Amino acid sequence: MSQENVEVVRPIYDALNRRDWDAVFSAVHADFELPIHRLPQAGTYRGRDQVQSLFEDYLTAFDNLVLEPEEFFEGGDQVVVFVKASAQIKGSSGDLENTHGHLWTIRDGTILSLRMFPKRGEALEAAGLRE
């Protein structure tokens, strides 16, 4: 079942990079949850409207933001993804690069939540997985 969960999550990154919101939310539960802890927009966002609005607002700070999944780890109803984010802040000539971990929870082919971790290992630890 967990490899199936990887295949549910994998296309989300391409859809995010294209800003194809219908594709992003195609496998997302209506009560999807995204807790944010480290941004000025801290809080828990629920459902497509809140999460999409958060993403769209966040993206206004960048001329370009690309999320590149580098490695997937499977564990039951959870998938951890190591992600490289590359961006250029609006009005800046410099590029930013960041690596972090995403922890997706999926049940019966539907994404229930996403948690983001600034350190990749934290995402694995939260899922009870190892590299």
C-alpha atoms as a PDB file:
ATOM      1  CA  MET A   1       0.000   0.000   0.000  1.00  0.00           C
ATOM      2  CA  SER A   2       2.753   2.495   0.820  1.00  0.00           C
ATOM      3  CA  GLN A   3       4.244   2.494  -2.730  1.00  0.00           C
ATOM      4  CA  GLU A   4       0.759   3.423  -3.903  1.00  0.00           C
ATOM      5  CA  ASN A   5       0.903   6.320  -1.451  1.00  0.00           C
ATOM      6  CA  VAL A   6       4.186   7.522  -2.982  1.00  0.00           C
ATOM      7  CA  GLU A   7       2.449   7.576  -6.362  1.00  0.00           C
ATOM      8  CA  VAL A   8      -0.358   9.682  -4.863  1.00  0.00           C
ATOM      9  CA  VAL A   9       2.148  12.258  -3.562  1.00  0.00           C
ATOM     10  CA  ARG A  10       4.712  12.308  -6.404  1.00  0.00           C
ATOM     11  CA  PRO A  11       2.628  14.260  -8.994  1.00  0.00           C
ATOM     12  CA  ILE A  12       1.706  16.936  -6.429  1.00  0.00           C
ATOM     13  CA  TYR A  13       5.167  18.512  -6.742  1.00  0.00           C
ATOM     14  CA  ASP A  14       4.923  18.895 -10.504  1.00  0.00           C
ATOM     15  CA  ALA A  15       1.434  20.371 -10.105  1.00  0.00           C
ATOM     16  CA  LEU A  16       2.676  22.815  -7.432  1.00  0.00           C
ATOM     17  CA  ASN A  17       5.496  23.946  -9.703  1.00  0.00           C
ATOM     18  CA  ARG A  18       2.970  24.559 -12.523  1.00  0.00           C
ATOM     19  CA  ARG A  19       0.567  26.268 -10.061  1.00  0.00           C
ATOM     20  CA  ASP A  20      -2.111  23.849 -11.252  1.00  0.00           C
ATOM     21  CA  TRP A  21      -4.316  24.021  -8.172  1.00  0.00           C
ATOM     22  CA  ASP A  22      -6.909  21.556  -9.459  1.00  0.00           C
ATOM     23  CA  ALA A  23      -4.171  18.931  -9.900  1.00  0.00           C
ATOM     24  CA  VAL A  24      -2.596  19.801  -6.537  1.00  0.00           C
ATOM     25  CA  PHE A  25      -5.859  19.210  -4.715  1.00  0.00           C
ATOM     26  CA  SER A  26      -7.148  16.307  -6.829  1.00  0.00           C
ATOM     27  CA  ALA A  27      -6.241  13.666  -4.210  1.00  0.00           C
ATOM     28  CA  VAL A  28      -6.686  15.862  -1.137  1.00  0.00           C
ATOM     29  CA  HIS A  29      -9.404  15.215   1.437  1.00  0.00           C
ATOM     30  CA  ALA A  30     -11.923  18.033   1.943  1.00  0.00           C
ATOM     31  CA  ASP A  31     -10.655  18.448   5.528  1.00  0.00           C
ATOM     32  CA  PHE A  32      -6.965  18.364   4.535  1.00  0.00           C
ATOM     33  CA  GLU A  33      -4.777  19.880   7.247  1.00  0.00           C
ATOM     34  CA  LEU A  34      -1.558  21.898   6.938  1.00  0.00           C
ATOM     35  CA  PRO A  35      -0.061  23.129  10.216  1.00  0.00           C
ATOM     36  CA  ILE A  36       2.460  25.969   9.798  1.00  0.00           C
ATOM     37  CA  HIS A  37       4.823  26.708  12.668  1.00  0.00           C
ATOM     38  CA  ARG A  38       7.731  28.778  11.386  1.00  0.00           C
ATOM     39  CA  LEU A  39       6.293  31.399   9.058  1.00  0.00           C
ATOM     40  CA  PRO A  40       4.602  34.665   9.900  1.00  0.00           C
ATOM     41  CA  GLN A  41       1.393  32.918   8.777  1.00  0.00           C
ATOM     42  CA  ALA A  42       1.627  30.372  11.645  1.00  0.00           C
ATOM     43  CA  GLY A  43      -1.520  28.402  12.279  1.00  0.00           C
ATOM     44  CA  THR A  44      -3.364  25.360  11.028  1.00  0.00           C
ATOM     45  CA  TYR A  45      -4.938  25.630   7.593  1.00  0.00           C
ATOM     46  CA  ARG A  46      -7.792  23.330   6.641  1.00  0.00           C
ATOM     47  CA  GLY A  47      -9.405  22.563   3.336  1.00  0.00           C
ATOM     48  CA  ARG A  48      -8.565  23.623  -0.168  1.00  0.00           C
ATOM     49  CA  ASP A  49      -9.609  27.273   0.129  1.00  0.00           C
ATOM     50  CA  GLN A  50      -7.426  28.036   3.151  1.00  0.00           C
ATOM     51  CA  VAL A  51      -4.419  26.027   1.951  1.00  0.00           C
ATOM     52  CA  GLN A  52      -4.537  27.355  -1.609  1.00  0.00           C
ATOM     53  CA  SER A  53      -4.852  30.914  -0.332  1.00  0.00           C
ATOM     54  CA  LEU A  54      -1.809  30.362   1.913  1.00  0.00           C
ATOM     55  CA  PHE A  55       0.234  28.975  -0.992  1.00  0.00           C
ATOM     56  CA  GLU A  56      -0.789  31.771  -3.348  1.00  0.00           C
ATOM     57  CA  ASP A  57       0.030  34.425  -0.737  1.00  0.00           C
ATOM     58  CA  TYR A  58       3.403  32.806  -0.005  1.00  0.00           C
ATOM     59  CA  LEU A  59       4.276  32.626  -3.707  1.00  0.00           C
ATOM     60  CA  THR A  60       3.822  36.394  -4.168  1.00  0.00           C
ATOM     61  CA  ALA A  61       7.197  36.894  -2.446  1.00  0.00           C
ATOM     62  CA  PHE A  62       9.024  35.058  -5.240  1.00  0.00           C
ATOM     63  CA  ASP A  63       9.672  35.539  -8.920  1.00  0.00           C
ATOM     64  CA  ASN A  64      10.170  31.816  -9.105  1.00  0.00           C
ATOM     65  CA  LEU A  65       9.865  28.951  -6.625  1.00  0.00           C
ATOM     66  CA  VAL A  66      10.486  25.337  -7.583  1.00  0.00           C
ATOM     67  CA  LEU A  67      10.060  22.355  -5.277  1.00  0.00           C
ATOM     68  CA  GLU A  68      12.102  19.363  -6.356  1.00  0.00           C
ATOM     69  CA  PRO A  69      11.413  16.063  -4.580  1.00  0.00           C
ATOM     70  CA  GLU A  70      14.732  14.267  -4.173  1.00  0.00           C
ATOM     71  CA  GLU A  71      13.884  11.131  -2.215  1.00  0.00           C
ATOM     72  CA  PHE A  72      10.757   9.336  -1.019  1.00  0.00           C
ATOM     73  CA  PHE A  73      10.410   7.152   2.081  1.00  0.00           C
ATOM     74  CA  GLU A  74       7.380   4.960   2.618  1.00  0.00           C
ATOM     75  CA  GLY A  75       5.871   3.901   5.898  1.00  0.00           C
ATOM     76  CA  GLY A  76       2.300   2.646   6.059  1.00  0.00           C
ATOM     77  CA  ASP A  77      -0.060   5.598   5.698  1.00  0.00           C
ATOM     78  CA  GLN A  78       2.815   8.085   5.635  1.00  0.00           C
ATOM     79  CA  VAL A  79       5.254   9.259   2.998  1.00  0.00           C
ATOM     80  CA  VAL A  80       8.295  11.381   3.774  1.00  0.00           C
ATOM     81  CA  VAL A  81       9.761  13.409   0.942  1.00  0.00           C
ATOM     82  CA  PHE A  82      13.134  15.126   0.988  1.00  0.00           C
ATOM     83  CA  VAL A  83      12.607  18.348  -0.955  1.00  0.00           C
ATOM     84  CA  LYS A  84      14.970  20.913  -2.454  1.00  0.00           C
ATOM     85  CA  ALA A  85      13.389  24.339  -2.840  1.00  0.00           C
ATOM     86  CA  SER A  86      14.972  26.830  -5.253  1.00  0.00           C
ATOM     87  CA  ALA A  87      13.684  30.381  -5.385  1.00  0.00           C
ATOM     88  CA  GLN A  88      14.383  33.948  -6.316  1.00  0.00           C
ATOM     89  CA  ILE A  89      12.917  36.625  -4.069  1.00  0.00           C
ATOM     90  CA  LYS A  90      11.075  39.346  -5.991  1.00  0.00           C
ATOM     91  CA  GLY A  91      13.338  42.266  -6.788  1.00  0.00           C
ATOM     92  CA  SER A  92      16.477  40.307  -5.906  1.00  0.00           C
ATOM     93  CA  SER A  93      19.170  38.983  -8.186  1.00  0.00           C
ATOM     94  CA  GLY A  94      20.242  36.251  -5.783  1.00  0.00           C
ATOM     95  CA  ASP A  95      18.922  32.730  -5.685  1.00  0.00           C
ATOM     96  CA  LEU A  96      17.888  30.892  -2.543  1.00  0.00           C
ATOM     97  CA  GLU A  97      18.179  27.176  -2.030  1.00  0.00           C
ATOM     98  CA  ASN A  98      16.802  25.233   0.876  1.00  0.00           C
ATOM     99  CA  THR A  99      16.319  21.572   1.725  1.00  0.00           C
ATOM    100  CA  HIS A 100      13.609  20.297   4.029  1.00  0.00           C
ATOM    101  CA  GLY A 101      11.289  17.375   4.712  1.00  0.00           C
ATOM    102  CA  HIS A 102       7.609  16.865   4.019  1.00  0.00           C
ATOM    103  CA  LEU A 103       5.502  14.316   5.865  1.00  0.00           C
ATOM    104  CA  TRP A 104       2.309  13.345   4.064  1.00  0.00           C
ATOM    105  CA  THR A 105      -0.447  11.257   5.638  1.00  0.00           C
ATOM    106  CA  ILE A 106      -2.582   9.310   3.180  1.00  0.00           C
ATOM    107  CA  ARG A 107      -5.495   6.987   3.752  1.00  0.00           C
ATOM    108  CA  ASP A 108      -7.259   4.998   1.037  1.00  0.00           C
ATOM    109  CA  GLY A 109      -5.546   7.066  -1.686  1.00  0.00           C
ATOM    110  CA  THR A 110      -6.621  10.394  -0.188  1.00  0.00           C
ATOM    111  CA  ILE A 111      -4.177  12.900   1.318  1.00  0.00           C
ATOM    112  CA  LEU A 112      -5.224  13.894   4.833  1.00  0.00           C
ATOM    113  CA  SER A 113      -2.368  16.155   5.888  1.00  0.00           C
ATOM    114  CA  LEU A 114       1.036  17.617   5.170  1.00  0.00           C
ATOM    115  CA  ARG A 115       3.573  18.596   7.807  1.00  0.00           C
ATOM    116  CA  MET A 116       6.760  20.425   6.847  1.00  0.00           C
ATOM    117  CA  PHE A 117      10.055  20.196   8.712  1.00  0.00           C
ATOM    118  CA  PRO A 118      13.091  22.473   8.292  1.00  0.00           C
ATOM    119  CA  LYS A 119      15.417  19.495   8.815  1.00  0.00           C
ATOM    120  CA  ARG A 120      14.879  16.409   6.726  1.00  0.00           C
ATOM    121  CA  GLY A 121      15.657  14.035   9.565  1.00  0.00           C
ATOM    122  CA  GLU A 122      12.859  15.534  11.645  1.00  0.00           C
ATOM    123  CA  ALA A 123      10.323  14.420   9.040  1.00  0.00           C
ATOM    124  CA  LEU A 124      11.687  10.876   9.115  1.00  0.00           C
ATOM    125  CA  GLU A 125      11.682  10.854  12.902  1.00  0.00           C
ATOM    126  CA  ALA A 126       8.080  12.082  13.040  1.00  0.00           C
ATOM    127  CA  ALA A 127       7.079   9.206  10.763  1.00  0.00           C
ATOM    128  CA  GLY A 128       9.124   6.670  12.747  1.00  0.00           C
ATOM    129  CA  LEU A 129      11.362   6.001   9.728  1.00  0.00           C
ATOM    130  CA  ARG A 130      15.114   5.945   9.115  1.00  0.00           C
ATOM    131  CA  GLU A 131      17.242   6.884   6.151  1.00  0.00           C
END
